[in-house]
Amino acid sequence: MAAAYIGATFMPTVFGHVQQAVGIGVMPLYLTVFAVLNLVLIEAAYIRMRKGERRKMSGTGT
């Protein structure tokens, strides 16, 4: 939960600095990078959850 607040706090500020240095044309790339990063991290979390469920079902996990 804290990560969501950190992202919501700093992403606009970081984008503002990047946009001033590079230009507004970087916005689609900026949004795409973070969207892809979000999807990758969500899939990684789902994979970890599935592995945890398998351990519980087999009785070898704690």
C-alpha atoms as a PDB file:
ATOM      1  CA  MET A   1       0.000   0.000   0.000  1.00  0.00           C
ATOM      2  CA  ALA A   2       2.821   2.375   0.822  1.00  0.00           C
ATOM      3  CA  ALA A   3       4.305   1.828  -2.633  1.00  0.00           C
ATOM      4  CA  ALA A   4       1.112   3.151  -4.218  1.00  0.00           C
ATOM      5  CA  TYR A   5       1.345   6.357  -2.213  1.00  0.00           C
ATOM      6  CA  ILE A   6       5.029   6.757  -3.059  1.00  0.00           C
ATOM      7  CA  GLY A   7       4.290   6.292  -6.755  1.00  0.00           C
ATOM      8  CA  ALA A   8       1.360   8.701  -6.683  1.00  0.00           C
ATOM      9  CA  THR A   9       3.517  11.270  -4.927  1.00  0.00           C
ATOM     10  CA  PHE A  10       6.668  11.099  -7.013  1.00  0.00           C
ATOM     11  CA  MET A  11       5.564  10.096 -10.538  1.00  0.00           C
ATOM     12  CA  PRO A  12       4.114  13.523 -11.448  1.00  0.00           C
ATOM     13  CA  THR A  13       7.159  15.300 -10.039  1.00  0.00           C
ATOM     14  CA  VAL A  14       9.595  13.027 -11.858  1.00  0.00           C
ATOM     15  CA  PHE A  15       7.639  13.405 -15.077  1.00  0.00           C
ATOM     16  CA  GLY A  16       7.675  17.202 -14.686  1.00  0.00           C
ATOM     17  CA  HIS A  17      11.463  17.226 -14.472  1.00  0.00           C
ATOM     18  CA  VAL A  18      11.851  14.815 -17.382  1.00  0.00           C
ATOM     19  CA  GLN A  19       9.373  16.779 -19.491  1.00  0.00           C
ATOM     20  CA  GLN A  20      11.188  20.058 -18.868  1.00  0.00           C
ATOM     21  CA  ALA A  21      14.481  18.532 -19.956  1.00  0.00           C
ATOM     22  CA  VAL A  22      13.254  16.492 -22.935  1.00  0.00           C
ATOM     23  CA  GLY A  23       9.835  17.801 -23.968  1.00  0.00           C
ATOM     24  CA  ILE A  24       6.212  16.721 -23.698  1.00  0.00           C
ATOM     25  CA  GLY A  25       6.712  14.142 -26.468  1.00  0.00           C
ATOM     26  CA  VAL A  26       8.215  11.802 -23.878  1.00  0.00           C
ATOM     27  CA  MET A  27       4.844  11.324 -22.150  1.00  0.00           C
ATOM     28  CA  PRO A  28       3.648   8.308 -24.213  1.00  0.00           C
ATOM     29  CA  LEU A  29       6.977   6.550 -23.610  1.00  0.00           C
ATOM     30  CA  TYR A  30       6.889   7.400 -19.901  1.00  0.00           C
ATOM     31  CA  LEU A  31       3.364   6.014 -19.523  1.00  0.00           C
ATOM     32  CA  THR A  32       4.163   2.912 -21.593  1.00  0.00           C
ATOM     33  CA  VAL A  33       7.231   2.093 -19.505  1.00  0.00           C
ATOM     34  CA  PHE A  34       5.272   2.267 -16.272  1.00  0.00           C
ATOM     35  CA  ALA A  35       2.314   0.327 -17.702  1.00  0.00           C
ATOM     36  CA  VAL A  36       4.617  -2.491 -18.838  1.00  0.00           C
ATOM     37  CA  LEU A  37       6.429  -2.428 -15.492  1.00  0.00           C
ATOM     38  CA  ASN A  38       3.073  -2.702 -13.734  1.00  0.00           C
ATOM     39  CA  LEU A  39       2.032  -5.723 -15.823  1.00  0.00           C
ATOM     40  CA  VAL A  40       5.374  -7.478 -15.272  1.00  0.00           C
ATOM     41  CA  LEU A  41       5.238  -6.973 -11.510  1.00  0.00           C
ATOM     42  CA  ILE A  42       1.598  -8.119 -11.307  1.00  0.00           C
ATOM     43  CA  GLU A  43       2.439 -11.300 -13.216  1.00  0.00           C
ATOM     44  CA  ALA A  44       5.444 -11.913 -10.943  1.00  0.00           C
ATOM     45  CA  ALA A  45       3.167 -11.575  -7.907  1.00  0.00           C
ATOM     46  CA  TYR A  46       0.652 -14.037  -9.391  1.00  0.00           C
ATOM     47  CA  ILE A  47       3.427 -16.560 -10.073  1.00  0.00           C
ATOM     48  CA  ARG A  48       4.645 -16.288  -6.477  1.00  0.00           C
ATOM     49  CA  MET A  49       1.102 -16.719  -5.181  1.00  0.00           C
ATOM     50  CA  ARG A  50       0.597 -19.854  -7.309  1.00  0.00           C
ATOM     51  CA  LYS A  51       3.856 -21.346  -6.016  1.00  0.00           C
ATOM     52  CA  GLY A  52       2.718 -20.677  -2.445  1.00  0.00           C
ATOM     53  CA  GLU A  53      -0.605 -22.390  -3.072  1.00  0.00           C
ATOM     54  CA  ARG A  54       1.134 -25.473  -4.477  1.00  0.00           C
ATOM     55  CA  ARG A  55       3.367 -25.715  -1.402  1.00  0.00           C
ATOM     56  CA  LYS A  56       0.375 -25.509   0.911  1.00  0.00           C
ATOM     57  CA  MET A  57      -1.457 -28.190  -1.040  1.00  0.00           C
ATOM     58  CA  SER A  58       1.545 -30.537  -0.967  1.00  0.00           C
ATOM     59  CA  GLY A  59       2.188 -29.856   2.723  1.00  0.00           C
ATOM     60  CA  THR A  60       5.833 -28.827   2.293  1.00  0.00           C
ATOM     61  CA  GLY A  61       5.452 -25.054   2.766  1.00  0.00           C
ATOM     62  CA  THR A  62       5.349 -22.995   5.887  1.00  0.00           C
END
